[in-house]
Amino acid sequence: MSDVVPYSGGGGLARRDSKRLERSISAGRASTELRISRAFNDEQVALAKLDVASAACGAAAGHVARVARLVQSLQLECPDATNELNAIKSAHAHFLISELSSLERALRYR
């Protein structure tokens, strides 16, 4: 009789193809949102690490300065102990440097 084809929405895409396209777009959006979220988290971790490192370095610098002032004043009171006081000052500074290095390694792998 007649070759009448039923109307299927006019877009030319079958329902199956339309659903597949919709899922693909949705998956792409989800992937993008996940990457953005990971980048934001990475940024927050990096900023926190910088804060910790800055605080530790500032504290270490303050400690070194205090010990240096103390050693200087003790050297005036007891000049015979100058070498020993300088050794203590150096050992203190080396200890702080070692601790900062340990902190740096720990922060790098977190």
N, C-alpha and C. Protein backbone atom coordinates (compact mmCIF):
# COMPACT_ATOMS: atom_id res chain seq x y z
N MET A 1 0.78 -1.15 0.00
CA MET A 1 0.00 0.00 0.00
C MET A 1 0.85 1.25 0.00
N SER A 2 1.06 1.90 1.14
CA SER A 2 1.90 3.09 1.07
C SER A 2 3.17 2.86 1.87
N ASP A 3 4.16 3.59 1.51
CA ASP A 3 5.45 3.49 2.21
C ASP A 3 5.58 4.61 3.25
N VAL A 4 4.69 4.65 4.18
CA VAL A 4 4.70 5.69 5.22
C VAL A 4 5.65 5.23 6.35
N VAL A 5 6.56 6.12 6.69
CA VAL A 5 7.52 5.84 7.76
C VAL A 5 7.10 6.64 8.99
N PRO A 6 6.98 5.99 10.12
CA PRO A 6 6.56 6.72 11.32
C PRO A 6 7.58 7.80 11.71
N TYR A 7 7.08 8.88 12.27
CA TYR A 7 7.92 10.00 12.72
C TYR A 7 8.67 9.59 13.98
N SER A 8 9.99 9.82 14.00
CA SER A 8 10.80 9.38 15.15
C SER A 8 11.45 10.55 15.89
N GLY A 9 10.95 11.71 15.77
CA GLY A 9 11.52 12.83 16.50
C GLY A 9 12.24 13.80 15.61
N GLY A 10 12.52 13.48 14.45
CA GLY A 10 13.08 14.38 13.47
C GLY A 10 14.57 14.60 13.52
N GLY A 11 15.24 14.27 14.60
CA GLY A 11 16.67 14.53 14.70
C GLY A 11 17.51 13.55 13.94
N GLY A 12 16.99 12.48 13.60
CA GLY A 12 17.75 11.49 12.87
C GLY A 12 18.48 10.53 13.79
N LEU A 13 18.61 10.86 15.09
CA LEU A 13 19.28 9.96 16.02
C LEU A 13 18.27 8.99 16.60
N ALA A 14 18.61 7.75 16.60
CA ALA A 14 17.75 6.76 17.22
C ALA A 14 17.81 6.96 18.73
N ARG A 15 16.82 6.50 19.42
CA ARG A 15 16.77 6.65 20.88
C ARG A 15 18.03 6.08 21.53
N ARG A 16 18.51 4.96 21.05
CA ARG A 16 19.72 4.33 21.58
C ARG A 16 20.93 5.23 21.40
N ASP A 17 21.07 5.82 20.21
CA ASP A 17 22.19 6.72 19.95
C ASP A 17 22.10 7.98 20.80
N SER A 18 20.90 8.47 21.00
CA SER A 18 20.69 9.65 21.82
C SER A 18 21.11 9.39 23.27
N LYS A 19 20.73 8.26 23.81
CA LYS A 19 21.11 7.90 25.19
C LYS A 19 22.63 7.73 25.32
N ARG A 20 23.24 7.13 24.29
CA ARG A 20 24.69 6.93 24.31
C ARG A 20 25.40 8.29 24.32
N LEU A 21 24.91 9.22 23.50
CA LEU A 21 25.49 10.56 23.45
C LEU A 21 25.31 11.27 24.79
N GLU A 22 24.15 11.13 25.38
CA GLU A 22 23.87 11.75 26.67
C GLU A 22 24.81 11.21 27.75
N ARG A 23 25.02 9.89 27.78
CA ARG A 23 25.94 9.29 28.74
C ARG A 23 27.36 9.75 28.52
N SER A 24 27.75 9.88 27.27
CA SER A 24 29.10 10.33 26.95
C SER A 24 29.35 11.75 27.43
N ILE A 25 28.37 12.62 27.20
CA ILE A 25 28.49 14.01 27.66
C ILE A 25 28.54 14.06 29.18
N SER A 26 27.68 13.28 29.82
CA SER A 26 27.64 13.24 31.28
C SER A 26 28.96 12.72 31.85
N ALA A 27 29.52 11.69 31.24
CA ALA A 27 30.80 11.15 31.70
C ALA A 27 31.91 12.18 31.51
N GLY A 28 31.88 12.91 30.42
CA GLY A 28 32.88 13.95 30.17
C GLY A 28 32.81 15.05 31.22
N ARG A 29 31.60 15.46 31.57
CA ARG A 29 31.42 16.48 32.62
C ARG A 29 31.93 15.98 33.96
N ALA A 30 31.60 14.73 34.29
CA ALA A 30 32.04 14.16 35.57
C ALA A 30 33.56 14.08 35.62
N SER A 31 34.17 13.69 34.50
CA SER A 31 35.63 13.60 34.44
C SER A 31 36.27 14.98 34.63
N THR A 32 35.69 15.99 34.01
CA THR A 32 36.19 17.34 34.14
C THR A 32 36.08 17.83 35.58
N GLU A 33 34.92 17.59 36.19
CA GLU A 33 34.72 18.00 37.58
C GLU A 33 35.69 17.29 38.51
N LEU A 34 35.96 16.03 38.25
CA LEU A 34 36.91 15.27 39.07
C LEU A 34 38.32 15.84 38.94
N ARG A 35 38.73 16.16 37.71
CA ARG A 35 40.06 16.73 37.51
C ARG A 35 40.18 18.09 38.19
N ILE A 36 39.14 18.90 38.13
CA ILE A 36 39.15 20.21 38.79
C ILE A 36 39.25 20.02 40.31
N SER A 37 38.50 19.07 40.84
CA SER A 37 38.53 18.80 42.28
C SER A 37 39.91 18.34 42.72
N ARG A 38 40.52 17.45 41.94
CA ARG A 38 41.87 16.97 42.28
C ARG A 38 42.88 18.11 42.23
N ALA A 39 42.78 18.97 41.23
CA ALA A 39 43.69 20.12 41.13
C ALA A 39 43.53 21.04 42.32
N PHE A 40 42.29 21.29 42.74
CA PHE A 40 42.02 22.14 43.90
C PHE A 40 42.62 21.50 45.16
N ASN A 41 42.42 20.19 45.34
CA ASN A 41 42.98 19.50 46.50
C ASN A 41 44.50 19.56 46.49
N ASP A 42 45.12 19.36 45.33
CA ASP A 42 46.57 19.44 45.22
C ASP A 42 47.06 20.83 45.62
N GLU A 43 46.33 21.86 45.20
CA GLU A 43 46.69 23.22 45.56
C GLU A 43 46.62 23.42 47.07
N GLN A 44 45.57 22.93 47.69
CA GLN A 44 45.40 23.09 49.14
C GLN A 44 46.51 22.36 49.89
N VAL A 45 46.88 21.18 49.44
CA VAL A 45 47.97 20.43 50.08
C VAL A 45 49.28 21.19 49.93
N ALA A 46 49.55 21.71 48.75
CA ALA A 46 50.80 22.45 48.52
C ALA A 46 50.86 23.69 49.41
N LEU A 47 49.75 24.41 49.53
CA LEU A 47 49.73 25.60 50.39
C LEU A 47 49.93 25.23 51.86
N ALA A 48 49.34 24.14 52.29
CA ALA A 48 49.53 23.70 53.68
C ALA A 48 50.99 23.32 53.93
N LYS A 49 51.61 22.65 52.96
CA LYS A 49 53.03 22.29 53.10
C LYS A 49 53.90 23.54 53.18
N LEU A 50 53.58 24.54 52.37
CA LEU A 50 54.34 25.79 52.42
C LEU A 50 54.20 26.46 53.78
N ASP A 51 52.99 26.46 54.33
CA ASP A 51 52.76 27.05 55.64
C ASP A 51 53.59 26.34 56.72
N VAL A 52 53.58 25.01 56.68
CA VAL A 52 54.33 24.23 57.67
C VAL A 52 55.83 24.50 57.53
N ALA A 53 56.33 24.47 56.30
CA ALA A 53 57.75 24.70 56.07
C ALA A 53 58.17 26.11 56.50
N SER A 54 57.34 27.09 56.19
CA SER A 54 57.66 28.48 56.56
C SER A 54 57.68 28.65 58.07
N ALA A 55 56.72 28.07 58.75
CA ALA A 55 56.67 28.16 60.21
C ALA A 55 57.89 27.49 60.83
N ALA A 56 58.25 26.32 60.32
CA ALA A 56 59.41 25.61 60.87
C ALA A 56 60.71 26.37 60.62
N CYS A 57 60.87 26.90 59.43
CA CYS A 57 62.09 27.66 59.12
C CYS A 57 62.17 28.93 59.96
N GLY A 58 61.04 29.60 60.12
CA GLY A 58 61.02 30.81 60.95
C GLY A 58 61.35 30.50 62.39
N ALA A 59 60.80 29.42 62.91
CA ALA A 59 61.10 29.03 64.29
C ALA A 59 62.58 28.68 64.44
N ALA A 60 63.11 27.95 63.48
CA ALA A 60 64.53 27.58 63.54
C ALA A 60 65.43 28.81 63.50
N ALA A 61 65.09 29.77 62.64
CA ALA A 61 65.89 31.00 62.57
C ALA A 61 65.84 31.75 63.89
N GLY A 62 64.67 31.81 64.51
CA GLY A 62 64.56 32.47 65.81
C GLY A 62 65.38 31.78 66.88
N HIS A 63 65.38 30.45 66.87
CA HIS A 63 66.17 29.70 67.85
C HIS A 63 67.67 29.93 67.64
N VAL A 64 68.10 29.92 66.40
CA VAL A 64 69.52 30.15 66.11
C VAL A 64 69.93 31.55 66.58
N ALA A 65 69.09 32.54 66.34
CA ALA A 65 69.40 33.90 66.76
C ALA A 65 69.48 34.00 68.29
N ARG A 66 68.56 33.36 68.98
CA ARG A 66 68.58 33.40 70.46
C ARG A 66 69.84 32.74 71.01
N VAL A 67 70.19 31.59 70.46
CA VAL A 67 71.39 30.89 70.93
C VAL A 67 72.63 31.73 70.62
N ALA A 68 72.68 32.35 69.45
CA ALA A 68 73.84 33.18 69.09
C ALA A 68 73.98 34.35 70.06
N ARG A 69 72.85 35.00 70.43
CA ARG A 69 72.91 36.11 71.39
C ARG A 69 73.36 35.61 72.77
N LEU A 70 72.84 34.47 73.17
CA LEU A 70 73.22 33.90 74.46
C LEU A 70 74.71 33.57 74.49
N VAL A 71 75.19 32.94 73.43
CA VAL A 71 76.61 32.60 73.35
C VAL A 71 77.46 33.86 73.39
N GLN A 72 77.04 34.88 72.68
CA GLN A 72 77.79 36.14 72.66
C GLN A 72 77.87 36.75 74.06
N SER A 73 76.77 36.74 74.78
CA SER A 73 76.79 37.32 76.13
C SER A 73 77.61 36.46 77.09
N LEU A 74 77.53 35.13 76.94
CA LEU A 74 78.32 34.25 77.80
C LEU A 74 79.82 34.38 77.52
N GLN A 75 80.16 34.63 76.27
CA GLN A 75 81.58 34.81 75.93
C GLN A 75 82.16 36.05 76.60
N LEU A 76 81.34 37.07 76.78
CA LEU A 76 81.81 38.27 77.48
C LEU A 76 82.04 37.97 78.96
N GLU A 77 81.20 37.14 79.55
CA GLU A 77 81.33 36.79 80.96
C GLU A 77 82.46 35.79 81.20
N CYS A 78 82.66 34.90 80.25
CA CYS A 78 83.67 33.85 80.43
C CYS A 78 84.43 33.63 79.12
N PRO A 79 85.42 34.50 78.83
CA PRO A 79 86.14 34.40 77.56
C PRO A 79 86.88 33.07 77.37
N ASP A 80 87.21 32.38 78.45
CA ASP A 80 87.93 31.12 78.33
C ASP A 80 87.07 30.01 77.70
N ALA A 81 85.75 30.18 77.73
CA ALA A 81 84.86 29.14 77.21
C ALA A 81 84.40 29.43 75.78
N THR A 82 85.07 30.37 75.11
CA THR A 82 84.64 30.78 73.77
C THR A 82 84.57 29.62 72.79
N ASN A 83 85.61 28.79 72.75
CA ASN A 83 85.63 27.68 71.80
C ASN A 83 84.49 26.69 72.07
N GLU A 84 84.28 26.36 73.33
CA GLU A 84 83.23 25.41 73.69
C GLU A 84 81.84 26.00 73.36
N LEU A 85 81.64 27.27 73.67
CA LEU A 85 80.36 27.91 73.38
C LEU A 85 80.08 27.95 71.87
N ASN A 86 81.13 28.24 71.10
CA ASN A 86 80.95 28.23 69.64
C ASN A 86 80.63 26.83 69.12
N ALA A 87 81.22 25.82 69.74
CA ALA A 87 80.93 24.44 69.34
C ALA A 87 79.47 24.09 69.65
N ILE A 88 79.01 24.54 70.83
CA ILE A 88 77.60 24.29 71.19
C ILE A 88 76.67 25.02 70.22
N LYS A 89 77.01 26.26 69.89
CA LYS A 89 76.20 27.04 68.95
C LYS A 89 76.13 26.34 67.59
N SER A 90 77.28 25.85 67.12
CA SER A 90 77.32 25.16 65.82
C SER A 90 76.53 23.85 65.86
N ALA A 91 76.67 23.11 66.95
CA ALA A 91 75.94 21.84 67.08
C ALA A 91 74.44 22.10 67.08
N HIS A 92 74.02 23.15 67.75
CA HIS A 92 72.61 23.51 67.79
C HIS A 92 72.11 23.84 66.39
N ALA A 93 72.86 24.65 65.66
CA ALA A 93 72.46 25.02 64.29
C ALA A 93 72.41 23.79 63.39
N HIS A 94 73.38 22.89 63.51
CA HIS A 94 73.39 21.67 62.69
C HIS A 94 72.19 20.78 63.02
N PHE A 95 71.85 20.70 64.31
CA PHE A 95 70.68 19.91 64.71
C PHE A 95 69.41 20.47 64.08
N LEU A 96 69.25 21.78 64.13
CA LEU A 96 68.06 22.39 63.54
C LEU A 96 68.01 22.17 62.02
N ILE A 97 69.15 22.28 61.37
CA ILE A 97 69.20 22.03 59.93
C ILE A 97 68.81 20.59 59.62
N SER A 98 69.29 19.68 60.43
CA SER A 98 68.94 18.26 60.25
C SER A 98 67.44 18.04 60.42
N GLU A 99 66.86 18.66 61.42
CA GLU A 99 65.42 18.53 61.64
C GLU A 99 64.62 19.14 60.49
N LEU A 100 65.07 20.27 59.99
CA LEU A 100 64.38 20.88 58.85
C LEU A 100 64.48 19.99 57.61
N SER A 101 65.61 19.34 57.42
CA SER A 101 65.77 18.42 56.30
C SER A 101 64.83 17.22 56.43
N SER A 102 64.70 16.73 57.66
CA SER A 102 63.77 15.61 57.90
C SER A 102 62.34 16.03 57.62
N LEU A 103 61.99 17.23 58.05
CA LEU A 103 60.65 17.75 57.80
C LEU A 103 60.41 17.89 56.30
N GLU A 104 61.40 18.40 55.60
CA GLU A 104 61.27 18.58 54.14
C GLU A 104 61.02 17.25 53.44
N ARG A 105 61.76 16.22 53.85
CA ARG A 105 61.55 14.89 53.25
C ARG A 105 60.16 14.36 53.58
N ALA A 106 59.73 14.54 54.81
CA ALA A 106 58.40 14.07 55.21
C ALA A 106 57.30 14.78 54.44
N LEU A 107 57.44 16.07 54.25
CA LEU A 107 56.43 16.83 53.51
C LEU A 107 56.41 16.47 52.02
N ARG A 108 57.56 16.15 51.48
CA ARG A 108 57.63 15.81 50.07
C ARG A 108 56.81 14.57 49.74
N TYR A 109 56.78 13.62 50.66
CA TYR A 109 56.12 12.34 50.37
C TYR A 109 54.74 12.23 50.98
N ARG A 110 54.15 13.34 51.40
CA ARG A 110 52.77 13.32 51.93
C ARG A 110 51.85 13.91 50.93
